[in-house]
Every structure is written in C-alpha cells, then in structure tokens.
Amino acid sequence: MIATVTYPYRDRETYEIHRTGDEVELTHERFAELSAAGYVDAAEQAAEPEPEEPEKAEADEADEGAPKEAKDVHEMTAAEMRAEIESMGGFAPKKATKAQLAELLEQL
C-alpha cells in the first residue's frame, strides 16, 4: 500500500528517515499503525477518470444555492473532519484526536 508521509519520522523497523511529502510503501497493518499515530495518510489517486469531474462540477453548480447538509460530527472519520476543518479555513493538527477535531469543527 502506498502512503504519503504527513509528519516526519524514523521507521523503527527499517531505521529509514521519512520526511513530509514522501511516498512510502507499507503493509496494511503498518499503515494502520502509522496512520493512527498521524504519521501517514493514504496516497491520493493521481489518475482520476475525467468524466467524473464535469459531472461533479455540474452538481456543485446546482448545489450552490442550497445549504450544505451538515453531517453528524460523531459519524465522521478523523480524515473527513480534517478535510471539513481545512475547507472552512481552519487548521487541523495531524496528531489531533477525533475528540479534539470534533471540538475544532464545532467552533467553526
């Protein structure tokens, strides 16, 4: 599994130093461990199908006038909370717990 480093760290198994922005290949178990600690996130898929983008743009244009449906904070994942906070112009620390992210999100 390919992951992107979000916080620099030295791997305790390989002793390699990984810096922010590096892409590393990890097993699913190791990814879960490092992701929970806030060191890595799943790598974004670089090649997205282009037909989806125009449809998404059309859907966004249609929803401009409608208020966004608020998701229950307790049903969101930590990654979704970070994305929501950053989309609102806030800062979401990578090592913040889900409870801390929920508190930040409610303040915005």
PDB file of N, CA and C in Angstrom:
ATOM      1  N   MET A   1       0.846  -1.170   0.000  1.00  0.00           N
ATOM      2  CA  MET A   1       0.000   0.000   0.000  1.00  0.00           C
ATOM      3  C   MET A   1       0.895   1.237   0.000  1.00  0.00           C
ATOM      4  N   ILE A   2       0.574   2.198  -0.843  1.00  0.00           N
ATOM      5  CA  ILE A   2       1.339   3.429  -0.923  1.00  0.00           C
ATOM      6  C   ILE A   2       0.702   4.459   0.003  1.00  0.00           C
ATOM      7  N   ALA A   3       1.539   5.124   0.800  1.00  0.00           N
ATOM      8  CA  ALA A   3       1.058   6.149   1.732  1.00  0.00           C
ATOM      9  C   ALA A   3       1.929   7.389   1.598  1.00  0.00           C
ATOM     10  N   THR A   4       1.362   8.539   1.938  1.00  0.00           N
ATOM     11  CA  THR A   4       2.084   9.798   1.920  1.00  0.00           C
ATOM     12  C   THR A   4       2.402  10.210   3.354  1.00  0.00           C
ATOM     13  N   VAL A   5       3.650  10.574   3.594  1.00  0.00           N
ATOM     14  CA  VAL A   5       4.083  10.966   4.933  1.00  0.00           C
ATOM     15  C   VAL A   5       3.534  12.358   5.241  1.00  0.00           C
ATOM     16  N   THR A   6       2.856  12.500   6.388  1.00  0.00           N
ATOM     17  CA  THR A   6       2.291  13.781   6.793  1.00  0.00           C
ATOM     18  C   THR A   6       3.058  14.410   7.946  1.00  0.00           C
ATOM     19  N   TYR A   7       3.877  13.603   8.625  1.00  0.00           N
ATOM     20  CA  TYR A   7       4.683  14.093   9.742  1.00  0.00           C
ATOM     21  C   TYR A   7       5.996  13.310   9.709  1.00  0.00           C
ATOM     22  N   PRO A   8       7.134  13.993   9.700  1.00  0.00           N
ATOM     23  CA  PRO A   8       8.415  13.283   9.567  1.00  0.00           C
ATOM     24  C   PRO A   8       8.652  12.292  10.710  1.00  0.00           C
ATOM     25  N   TYR A   9       9.233  11.149  10.360  1.00  0.00           N
ATOM     26  CA  TYR A   9       9.509  10.127  11.374  1.00  0.00           C
ATOM     27  C   TYR A   9      10.636   9.215  10.913  1.00  0.00           C
ATOM     28  N   ARG A  10      11.224   8.490  11.859  1.00  0.00           N
ATOM     29  CA  ARG A  10      12.209   7.451  11.559  1.00  0.00           C
ATOM     30  C   ARG A  10      11.524   6.113  11.808  1.00  0.00           C
ATOM     31  N   ASP A  11      11.510   5.275  10.789  1.00  0.00           N
ATOM     32  CA  ASP A  11      10.853   3.985  10.885  1.00  0.00           C
ATOM     33  C   ASP A  11      11.604   3.087  11.857  1.00  0.00           C
ATOM     34  N   ARG A  12      10.898   2.552  12.824  1.00  0.00           N
ATOM     35  CA  ARG A  12      11.556   1.743  13.849  1.00  0.00           C
ATOM     36  C   ARG A  12      11.960   0.371  13.316  1.00  0.00           C
ATOM     37  N   GLU A  13      11.368  -0.045  12.204  1.00  0.00           N
ATOM     38  CA  GLU A  13      11.701  -1.352  11.645  1.00  0.00           C
ATOM     39  C   GLU A  13      12.851  -1.277  10.647  1.00  0.00           C
ATOM     40  N   THR A  14      12.865  -0.245   9.810  1.00  0.00           N
ATOM     41  CA  THR A  14      13.905  -0.136   8.785  1.00  0.00           C
ATOM     42  C   THR A  14      14.946   0.935   9.112  1.00  0.00           C
ATOM     43  N   TYR A  15      14.683   1.759  10.118  1.00  0.00           N
ATOM     44  CA  TYR A  15      15.552   2.866  10.537  1.00  0.00           C
ATOM     45  C   TYR A  15      15.727   3.933   9.452  1.00  0.00           C
ATOM     46  N   GLU A  16      14.841   3.941   8.470  1.00  0.00           N
ATOM     47  CA  GLU A  16      14.880   4.966   7.436  1.00  0.00           C
ATOM     48  C   GLU A  16      14.173   6.218   7.935  1.00  0.00           C
ATOM     49  N   ILE A  17      14.666   7.368   7.508  1.00  0.00           N
ATOM     50  CA  ILE A  17      14.026   8.641   7.851  1.00  0.00           C
ATOM     51  C   ILE A  17      13.093   9.012   6.701  1.00  0.00           C
ATOM     52  N   HIS A  18      11.847   9.316   7.041  1.00  0.00           N
ATOM     53  CA  HIS A  18      10.851   9.709   6.048  1.00  0.00           C
ATOM     54  C   HIS A  18      10.408  11.128   6.365  1.00  0.00           C
ATOM     55  N   ARG A  19      10.429  11.974   5.360  1.00  0.00           N
ATOM     56  CA  ARG A  19      10.070  13.380   5.536  1.00  0.00           C
ATOM     57  C   ARG A  19       8.672  13.650   4.980  1.00  0.00           C
ATOM     58  N   THR A  20       8.091  14.746   5.410  1.00  0.00           N
ATOM     59  CA  THR A  20       6.760  15.133   4.960  1.00  0.00           C
ATOM     60  C   THR A  20       6.715  15.195   3.437  1.00  0.00           C
ATOM     61  N   GLY A  21       5.695  14.567   2.866  1.00  0.00           N
ATOM     62  CA  GLY A  21       5.521  14.560   1.417  1.00  0.00           C
ATOM     63  C   GLY A  21       6.090  13.322   0.742  1.00  0.00           C
ATOM     64  N   ASP A  22       6.953  12.564   1.417  1.00  0.00           N
ATOM     65  CA  ASP A  22       7.497  11.337   0.845  1.00  0.00           C
ATOM     66  C   ASP A  22       6.389  10.312   0.675  1.00  0.00           C
ATOM     67  N   GLU A  23       6.538   9.469  -0.340  1.00  0.00           N
ATOM     68  CA  GLU A  23       5.615   8.356  -0.509  1.00  0.00           C
ATOM     69  C   GLU A  23       6.340   7.091  -0.086  1.00  0.00           C
ATOM     70  N   VAL A  24       5.681   6.302   0.749  1.00  0.00           N
ATOM     71  CA  VAL A  24       6.278   5.071   1.256  1.00  0.00           C
ATOM     72  C   VAL A  24       5.330   3.911   0.990  1.00  0.00           C
ATOM     73  N   GLU A  25       5.912   2.720   0.809  1.00  0.00           N
ATOM     74  CA  GLU A  25       5.101   1.526   0.629  1.00  0.00           C
ATOM     75  C   GLU A  25       5.063   0.774   1.950  1.00  0.00           C
ATOM     76  N   LEU A  26       3.852   0.486   2.432  1.00  0.00           N
ATOM     77  CA  LEU A  26       3.657  -0.133   3.736  1.00  0.00           C
ATOM     78  C   LEU A  26       2.690  -1.301   3.637  1.00  0.00           C
ATOM     79  N   THR A  27       2.793  -2.211   4.590  1.00  0.00           N
ATOM     80  CA  THR A  27       1.779  -3.253   4.694  1.00  0.00           C
ATOM     81  C   THR A  27       0.529  -2.608   5.290  1.00  0.00           C
ATOM     82  N   HIS A  28      -0.588  -3.262   5.175  1.00  0.00           N
ATOM     83  CA  HIS A  28      -1.839  -2.695   5.711  1.00  0.00           C
ATOM     84  C   HIS A  28      -1.766  -2.532   7.225  1.00  0.00           C
ATOM     85  N   GLU A  29      -1.128  -3.485   7.900  1.00  0.00           N
ATOM     86  CA  GLU A  29      -1.013  -3.396   9.357  1.00  0.00           C
ATOM     87  C   GLU A  29      -0.142  -2.216   9.763  1.00  0.00           C
ATOM     88  N   ARG A  30       0.998  -2.051   9.074  1.00  0.00           N
ATOM     89  CA  ARG A  30       1.918  -0.948   9.395  1.00  0.00           C
ATOM     90  C   ARG A  30       1.274   0.394   9.043  1.00  0.00           C
ATOM     91  N   PHE A  31       0.515   0.425   7.936  1.00  0.00           N
ATOM     92  CA  PHE A  31      -0.186   1.653   7.570  1.00  0.00           C
ATOM     93  C   PHE A  31      -1.191   2.039   8.652  1.00  0.00           C
ATOM     94  N   ALA A  32      -1.945   1.057   9.141  1.00  0.00           N
ATOM     95  CA  ALA A  32      -2.937   1.337  10.180  1.00  0.00           C
ATOM     96  C   ALA A  32      -2.260   1.905  11.424  1.00  0.00           C
ATOM     97  N   GLU A  33      -1.112   1.343  11.782  1.00  0.00           N
ATOM     98  CA  GLU A  33      -0.379   1.799  12.964  1.00  0.00           C
ATOM     99  C   GLU A  33       0.135   3.233  12.778  1.00  0.00           C
ATOM    100  N   LEU A  34       0.774   3.504  11.636  1.00  0.00           N
ATOM    101  CA  LEU A  34       1.338   4.842  11.397  1.00  0.00           C
ATOM    102  C   LEU A  34       0.244   5.877  11.145  1.00  0.00           C
ATOM    103  N   SER A  35      -0.834   5.467  10.522  1.00  0.00           N
ATOM    104  CA  SER A  35      -1.936   6.379  10.264  1.00  0.00           C
ATOM    105  C   SER A  35      -2.615   6.796  11.566  1.00  0.00           C
ATOM    106  N   ALA A  36      -2.794   5.841  12.466  1.00  0.00           N
ATOM    107  CA  ALA A  36      -3.416   6.142  13.757  1.00  0.00           C
ATOM    108  C   ALA A  36      -2.560   7.106  14.565  1.00  0.00           C
ATOM    109  N   ALA A  37      -1.241   7.041  14.383  1.00  0.00           N
ATOM    110  CA  ALA A  37      -0.332   7.936  15.099  1.00  0.00           C
ATOM    111  C   ALA A  37      -0.201   9.292  14.398  1.00  0.00           C
ATOM    112  N   GLY A  38      -0.759   9.427  13.187  1.00  0.00           N
ATOM    113  CA  GLY A  38      -0.731  10.700  12.480  1.00  0.00           C
ATOM    114  C   GLY A  38       0.490  10.912  11.610  1.00  0.00           C
ATOM    115  N   TYR A  39       1.233   9.852  11.323  1.00  0.00           N
ATOM    116  CA  TYR A  39       2.446   9.997  10.517  1.00  0.00           C
ATOM    117  C   TYR A  39       2.201   9.878   9.022  1.00  0.00           C
ATOM    118  N   VAL A  40       1.191   9.123   8.598  1.00  0.00           N
ATOM    119  CA  VAL A  40       0.926   8.934   7.176  1.00  0.00           C
ATOM    120  C   VAL A  40      -0.567   9.005   6.888  1.00  0.00           C
ATOM    121  N   ASP A  41      -0.878   9.302   5.634  1.00  0.00           N
ATOM    122  CA  ASP A  41      -2.238   9.231   5.114  1.00  0.00           C
ATOM    123  C   ASP A  41      -2.182   8.418   3.832  1.00  0.00           C
ATOM    124  N   ALA A  42      -3.302   7.891   3.415  1.00  0.00           N
ATOM    125  CA  ALA A  42      -3.341   7.133   2.168  1.00  0.00           C
ATOM    126  C   ALA A  42      -2.991   8.071   1.020  1.00  0.00           C
ATOM    127  N   ALA A  43      -2.198   7.578   0.083  1.00  0.00           N
ATOM    128  CA  ALA A  43      -1.815   8.380  -1.078  1.00  0.00           C
ATOM    129  C   ALA A  43      -3.037   8.619  -1.945  1.00  0.00           C
ATOM    130  N   GLU A  44      -3.161   9.829  -2.456  1.00  0.00           N
ATOM    131  CA  GLU A  44      -4.290  10.157  -3.312  1.00  0.00           C
ATOM    132  C   GLU A  44      -4.076   9.532  -4.671  1.00  0.00           C
ATOM    133  N   GLN A  45      -5.160   9.102  -5.283  1.00  0.00           N
ATOM    134  CA  GLN A  45      -5.065   8.520  -6.610  1.00  0.00           C
ATOM    135  C   GLN A  45      -4.797   9.636  -7.609  1.00  0.00           C
ATOM    136  N   ALA A  46      -3.687   9.539  -8.328  1.00  0.00           N
ATOM    137  CA  ALA A  46      -3.291  10.585  -9.266  1.00  0.00           C
ATOM    138  C   ALA A  46      -4.152  10.560 -10.521  1.00  0.00           C
ATOM    139  N   ALA A  47      -4.523   9.380 -10.964  1.00  0.00           N
ATOM    140  CA  ALA A  47      -5.275   9.271 -12.214  1.00  0.00           C
ATOM    141  C   ALA A  47      -6.747   9.052 -11.915  1.00  0.00           C
ATOM    142  N   GLU A  48      -7.505  10.135 -11.941  1.00  0.00           N
ATOM    143  CA  GLU A  48      -8.945  10.033 -11.754  1.00  0.00           C
ATOM    144  C   GLU A  48      -9.608  10.098 -13.123  1.00  0.00           C
ATOM    145  N   PRO A  49     -10.667   9.363 -13.319  1.00  0.00           N
ATOM    146  CA  PRO A  49     -11.358   9.426 -14.607  1.00  0.00           C
ATOM    147  C   PRO A  49     -11.901  10.826 -14.851  1.00  0.00           C
ATOM    148  N   GLU A  50     -11.656  11.355 -16.025  1.00  0.00           N
ATOM    149  CA  GLU A  50     -12.079  12.720 -16.341  1.00  0.00           C
ATOM    150  C   GLU A  50     -13.591  12.890 -16.456  1.00  0.00           C
ATOM    151  N   PRO A  51     -14.361  11.888 -16.892  1.00  0.00           N
ATOM    152  CA  PRO A  51     -15.806  12.106 -16.995  1.00  0.00           C
ATOM    153  C   PRO A  51     -16.468  12.457 -15.664  1.00  0.00           C
ATOM    154  N   GLU A  52     -15.891  12.033 -14.546  1.00  0.00           N
ATOM    155  CA  GLU A  52     -16.487  12.342 -13.252  1.00  0.00           C
ATOM    156  C   GLU A  52     -16.343  13.814 -12.893  1.00  0.00           C
ATOM    157  N   GLU A  53     -15.268  14.438 -13.309  1.00  0.00           N
ATOM    158  CA  GLU A  53     -15.028  15.833 -12.934  1.00  0.00           C
ATOM    159  C   GLU A  53     -16.082  16.790 -13.484  1.00  0.00           C
ATOM    160  N   PRO A  54     -16.445  16.709 -14.773  1.00  0.00           N
ATOM    161  CA  PRO A  54     -17.500  17.623 -15.250  1.00  0.00           C
ATOM    162  C   PRO A  54     -18.837  17.384 -14.548  1.00  0.00           C
ATOM    163  N   GLU A  55     -19.161  16.123 -14.274  1.00  0.00           N
ATOM    164  CA  GLU A  55     -20.407  15.841 -13.568  1.00  0.00           C
ATOM    165  C   GLU A  55     -20.365  16.428 -12.169  1.00  0.00           C
ATOM    166  N   LYS A  56     -19.218  16.324 -11.526  1.00  0.00           N
ATOM    167  CA  LYS A  56     -19.076  16.870 -10.184  1.00  0.00           C
ATOM    168  C   LYS A  56     -19.225  18.391 -10.222  1.00  0.00           C
ATOM    169  N   ALA A  57     -18.634  19.032 -11.236  1.00  0.00           N
ATOM    170  CA  ALA A  57     -18.739  20.481 -11.356  1.00  0.00           C
ATOM    171  C   ALA A  57     -20.197  20.895 -11.561  1.00  0.00           C
ATOM    172  N   GLU A  58     -20.924  20.127 -12.372  1.00  0.00           N
ATOM    173  CA  GLU A  58     -22.330  20.434 -12.592  1.00  0.00           C
ATOM    174  C   GLU A  58     -23.131  20.270 -11.299  1.00  0.00           C
ATOM    175  N   ALA A  59     -22.819  19.259 -10.538  1.00  0.00           N
ATOM    176  CA  ALA A  59     -23.520  19.034  -9.276  1.00  0.00           C
ATOM    177  C   ALA A  59     -23.208  20.153  -8.291  1.00  0.00           C
ATOM    178  N   ASP A  60     -21.952  20.622  -8.273  1.00  0.00           N
ATOM    179  CA  ASP A  60     -21.586  21.723  -7.395  1.00  0.00           C
ATOM    180  C   ASP A  60     -22.326  22.999  -7.772  1.00  0.00           C
ATOM    181  N   GLU A  61     -22.463  23.253  -9.079  1.00  0.00           N
ATOM    182  CA  GLU A  61     -23.181  24.439  -9.523  1.00  0.00           C
ATOM    183  C   GLU A  61     -24.645  24.363  -9.113  1.00  0.00           C
ATOM    184  N   ALA A  62     -25.229  23.196  -9.184  1.00  0.00           N
ATOM    185  CA  ALA A  62     -26.636  23.035  -8.816  1.00  0.00           C
ATOM    186  C   ALA A  62     -26.834  23.209  -7.314  1.00  0.00           C
ATOM    187  N   ASP A  63     -25.844  22.856  -6.523  1.00  0.00           N
ATOM    188  CA  ASP A  63     -25.962  22.930  -5.072  1.00  0.00           C
ATOM    189  C   ASP A  63     -25.537  24.278  -4.493  1.00  0.00           C
ATOM    190  N   GLU A  64     -25.075  25.213  -5.333  1.00  0.00           N
ATOM    191  CA  GLU A  64     -24.591  26.491  -4.812  1.00  0.00           C
ATOM    192  C   GLU A  64     -25.636  27.219  -3.990  1.00  0.00           C
ATOM    193  N   GLY A  65     -26.879  27.224  -4.437  1.00  0.00           N
ATOM    194  CA  GLY A  65     -27.920  27.946  -3.729  1.00  0.00           C
ATOM    195  C   GLY A  65     -28.448  27.197  -2.519  1.00  0.00           C
ATOM    196  N   ALA A  66     -28.299  25.893  -2.519  1.00  0.00           N
ATOM    197  CA  ALA A  66     -28.837  25.083  -1.426  1.00  0.00           C
ATOM    198  C   ALA A  66     -27.842  25.026  -0.269  1.00  0.00           C
ATOM    199  N   PRO A  67     -28.341  25.072   0.962  1.00  0.00           N
ATOM    200  CA  PRO A  67     -27.419  24.948   2.103  1.00  0.00           C
ATOM    201  C   PRO A  67     -26.857  23.540   2.168  1.00  0.00           C
ATOM    202  N   LYS A  68     -25.605  23.433   2.594  1.00  0.00           N
ATOM    203  CA  LYS A  68     -24.970  22.125   2.692  1.00  0.00           C
ATOM    204  C   LYS A  68     -25.583  21.344   3.846  1.00  0.00           C
ATOM    205  N   GLU A  69     -25.791  20.066   3.603  1.00  0.00           N
ATOM    206  CA  GLU A  69     -26.327  19.194   4.642  1.00  0.00           C
ATOM    207  C   GLU A  69     -25.217  18.899   5.641  1.00  0.00           C
ATOM    208  N   ALA A  70     -25.444  19.228   6.887  1.00  0.00           N
ATOM    209  CA  ALA A  70     -24.431  19.036   7.918  1.00  0.00           C
ATOM    210  C   ALA A  70     -24.414  17.582   8.365  1.00  0.00           C
ATOM    211  N   LYS A  71     -23.235  16.978   8.322  1.00  0.00           N
ATOM    212  CA  LYS A  71     -23.078  15.611   8.807  1.00  0.00           C
ATOM    213  C   LYS A  71     -22.938  15.648  10.313  1.00  0.00           C
ATOM    214  N   ASP A  72     -23.386  14.616  10.957  1.00  0.00           N
ATOM    215  CA  ASP A  72     -23.195  14.493  12.392  1.00  0.00           C
ATOM    216  C   ASP A  72     -21.708  14.308  12.648  1.00  0.00           C
ATOM    217  N   VAL A  73     -21.141  15.119  13.513  1.00  0.00           N
ATOM    218  CA  VAL A  73     -19.706  15.103  13.790  1.00  0.00           C
ATOM    219  C   VAL A  73     -19.262  13.742  14.289  1.00  0.00           C
ATOM    220  N   HIS A  74     -20.109  13.055  15.023  1.00  0.00           N
ATOM    221  CA  HIS A  74     -19.732  11.772  15.601  1.00  0.00           C
ATOM    222  C   HIS A  74     -19.721  10.641  14.576  1.00  0.00           C
ATOM    223  N   GLU A  75     -20.329  10.860  13.408  1.00  0.00           N
ATOM    224  CA  GLU A  75     -20.337   9.845  12.361  1.00  0.00           C
ATOM    225  C   GLU A  75     -19.195  10.028  11.375  1.00  0.00           C
ATOM    226  N   MET A  76     -18.489  11.148  11.457  1.00  0.00           N
ATOM    227  CA  MET A  76     -17.397  11.431  10.528  1.00  0.00           C
ATOM    228  C   MET A  76     -16.109  10.753  10.986  1.00  0.00           C
ATOM    229  N   THR A  77     -15.266  10.401  10.019  1.00  0.00           N
ATOM    230  CA  THR A  77     -13.947   9.876  10.354  1.00  0.00           C
ATOM    231  C   THR A  77     -13.022  11.059  10.637  1.00  0.00           C
ATOM    232  N   ALA A  78     -11.860  10.782  11.210  1.00  0.00           N
ATOM    233  CA  ALA A  78     -10.904  11.846  11.512  1.00  0.00           C
ATOM    234  C   ALA A  78     -10.462  12.540  10.230  1.00  0.00           C
ATOM    235  N   ALA A  79     -10.253  11.773   9.169  1.00  0.00           N
ATOM    236  CA  ALA A  79      -9.834  12.361   7.891  1.00  0.00           C
ATOM    237  C   ALA A  79     -10.914  13.287   7.336  1.00  0.00           C
ATOM    238  N   GLU A  80     -12.178  12.874   7.455  1.00  0.00           N
ATOM    239  CA  GLU A  80     -13.276  13.726   6.989  1.00  0.00           C
ATOM    240  C   GLU A  80     -13.348  15.005   7.812  1.00  0.00           C
ATOM    241  N   MET A  81     -13.120  14.887   9.123  1.00  0.00           N
ATOM    242  CA  MET A  81     -13.144  16.075   9.986  1.00  0.00           C
ATOM    243  C   MET A  81     -12.026  17.039   9.605  1.00  0.00           C
ATOM    244  N   ARG A  82     -10.811  16.499   9.372  1.00  0.00           N
ATOM    245  CA  ARG A  82      -9.692  17.358   8.970  1.00  0.00           C
ATOM    246  C   ARG A  82     -10.010  18.090   7.670  1.00  0.00           C
ATOM    247  N   ALA A  83     -10.548  17.361   6.703  1.00  0.00           N
ATOM    248  CA  ALA A  83     -10.889  17.954   5.411  1.00  0.00           C
ATOM    249  C   ALA A  83     -11.944  19.048   5.576  1.00  0.00           C
ATOM    250  N   GLU A  84     -12.943  18.800   6.414  1.00  0.00           N
ATOM    251  CA  GLU A  84     -14.001  19.781   6.650  1.00  0.00           C
ATOM    252  C   GLU A  84     -13.448  21.032   7.332  1.00  0.00           C
ATOM    253  N   ILE A  85     -12.590  20.841   8.322  1.00  0.00           N
ATOM    254  CA  ILE A  85     -11.990  21.972   9.035  1.00  0.00           C
ATOM    255  C   ILE A  85     -11.150  22.808   8.084  1.00  0.00           C
ATOM    256  N   GLU A  86     -10.337  22.138   7.262  1.00  0.00           N
ATOM    257  CA  GLU A  86      -9.483  22.865   6.326  1.00  0.00           C
ATOM    258  C   GLU A  86     -10.289  23.544   5.230  1.00  0.00           C
ATOM    259  N   SER A  87     -11.425  22.955   4.829  1.00  0.00           N
ATOM    260  CA  SER A  87     -12.264  23.593   3.814  1.00  0.00           C
ATOM    261  C   SER A  87     -12.935  24.854   4.361  1.00  0.00           C
ATOM    262  N   MET A  88     -13.089  24.919   5.697  1.00  0.00           N
ATOM    263  CA  MET A  88     -13.673  26.099   6.333  1.00  0.00           C
ATOM    264  C   MET A  88     -12.617  27.134   6.682  1.00  0.00           C
ATOM    265  N   GLY A  89     -11.369  26.863   6.313  1.00  0.00           N
ATOM    266  CA  GLY A  89     -10.301  27.826   6.570  1.00  0.00           C
ATOM    267  C   GLY A  89      -9.613  27.640   7.908  1.00  0.00           C
ATOM    268  N   GLY A  90      -9.906  26.562   8.615  1.00  0.00           N
ATOM    269  CA  GLY A  90      -9.279  26.301   9.905  1.00  0.00           C
ATOM    270  C   GLY A  90      -8.026  25.462   9.757  1.00  0.00           C
ATOM    271  N   PHE A  91      -7.353  25.218  10.866  1.00  0.00           N
ATOM    272  CA  PHE A  91      -6.157  24.387  10.890  1.00  0.00           C
ATOM    273  C   PHE A  91      -6.432  23.162  11.732  1.00  0.00           C
ATOM    274  N   ALA A  92      -6.178  21.989  11.165  1.00  0.00           N
ATOM    275  CA  ALA A  92      -6.402  20.726  11.866  1.00  0.00           C
ATOM    276  C   ALA A  92      -5.067  20.020  12.059  1.00  0.00           C
ATOM    277  N   PRO A  93      -4.522  20.003  13.278  1.00  0.00           N
ATOM    278  CA  PRO A  93      -3.249  19.324  13.518  1.00  0.00           C
ATOM    279  C   PRO A  93      -3.343  17.840  13.170  1.00  0.00           C
ATOM    280  N   LYS A  94      -2.285  17.299  12.580  1.00  0.00           N
ATOM    281  CA  LYS A  94      -2.276  15.897  12.162  1.00  0.00           C
ATOM    282  C   LYS A  94      -2.336  14.943  13.348  1.00  0.00           C
ATOM    283  N   LYS A  95      -1.810  15.349  14.500  1.00  0.00           N
ATOM    284  CA  LYS A  95      -1.808  14.473  15.662  1.00  0.00           C
ATOM    285  C   LYS A  95      -3.020  14.684  16.565  1.00  0.00           C
ATOM    286  N   ALA A  96      -3.974  15.489  16.136  1.00  0.00           N
ATOM    287  CA  ALA A  96      -5.158  15.738  16.958  1.00  0.00           C
ATOM    288  C   ALA A  96      -6.032  14.492  17.026  1.00  0.00           C
ATOM    289  N   THR A  97      -6.624  14.267  18.183  1.00  0.00           N
ATOM    290  CA  THR A  97      -7.534  13.134  18.344  1.00  0.00           C
ATOM    291  C   THR A  97      -8.873  13.459  17.698  1.00  0.00           C
ATOM    292  N   LYS A  98      -9.699  12.446  17.549  1.00  0.00           N
ATOM    293  CA  LYS A  98     -11.008  12.647  16.941  1.00  0.00           C
ATOM    294  C   LYS A  98     -11.849  13.594  17.787  1.00  0.00           C
ATOM    295  N   ALA A  99     -11.736  13.491  19.114  1.00  0.00           N
ATOM    296  CA  ALA A  99     -12.482  14.383  20.007  1.00  0.00           C
ATOM    297  C   ALA A  99     -12.018  15.829  19.836  1.00  0.00           C
ATOM    298  N   GLN A 100     -10.712  16.032  19.700  1.00  0.00           N
ATOM    299  CA  GLN A 100     -10.188  17.382  19.504  1.00  0.00           C
ATOM    300  C   GLN A 100     -10.641  17.945  18.164  1.00  0.00           C
ATOM    301  N   LEU A 101     -10.652  17.101  17.117  1.00  0.00           N
ATOM    302  CA  LEU A 101     -11.114  17.544  15.806  1.00  0.00           C
ATOM    303  C   LEU A 101     -12.593  17.906  15.855  1.00  0.00           C
ATOM    304  N   ALA A 102     -13.383  17.122  16.579  1.00  0.00           N
ATOM    305  CA  ALA A 102     -14.811  17.408  16.700  1.00  0.00           C
ATOM    306  C   ALA A 102     -15.018  18.766  17.380  1.00  0.00           C
ATOM    307  N   GLU A 103     -14.234  19.050  18.401  1.00  0.00           N
ATOM    308  CA  GLU A 103     -14.333  20.324  19.107  1.00  0.00           C
ATOM    309  C   GLU A 103     -13.963  21.485  18.179  1.00  0.00           C
ATOM    310  N   LEU A 104     -12.889  21.308  17.401  1.00  0.00           N
ATOM    311  CA  LEU A 104     -12.483  22.345  16.444  1.00  0.00           C
ATOM    312  C   LEU A 104     -13.568  22.577  15.404  1.00  0.00           C
ATOM    313  N   LEU A 105     -14.159  21.498  14.919  1.00  0.00           N
ATOM    314  CA  LEU A 105     -15.187  21.598  13.907  1.00  0.00           C
ATOM    315  C   LEU A 105     -16.426  22.311  14.427  1.00  0.00           C
ATOM    316  N   GLU A 106     -16.786  22.053  15.669  1.00  0.00           N
ATOM    317  CA  GLU A 106     -17.958  22.713  16.251  1.00  0.00           C
ATOM    318  C   GLU A 106     -17.723  24.199  16.466  1.00  0.00           C
ATOM    319  N   GLN A 107     -16.463  24.594  16.671  1.00  0.00           N
ATOM    320  CA  GLN A 107     -16.151  26.003  16.886  1.00  0.00           C
ATOM    321  C   GLN A 107     -16.226  26.809  15.602  1.00  0.00           C
ATOM    322  N   LEU A 108     -16.053  26.141  14.456  1.00  0.00           N
ATOM    323  CA  LEU A 108     -16.074  26.865  13.179  1.00  0.00           C
ATOM    324  C   LEU A 108     -17.452  27.119  12.667  1.00  0.00           C
TER     325      LEU A 108
END
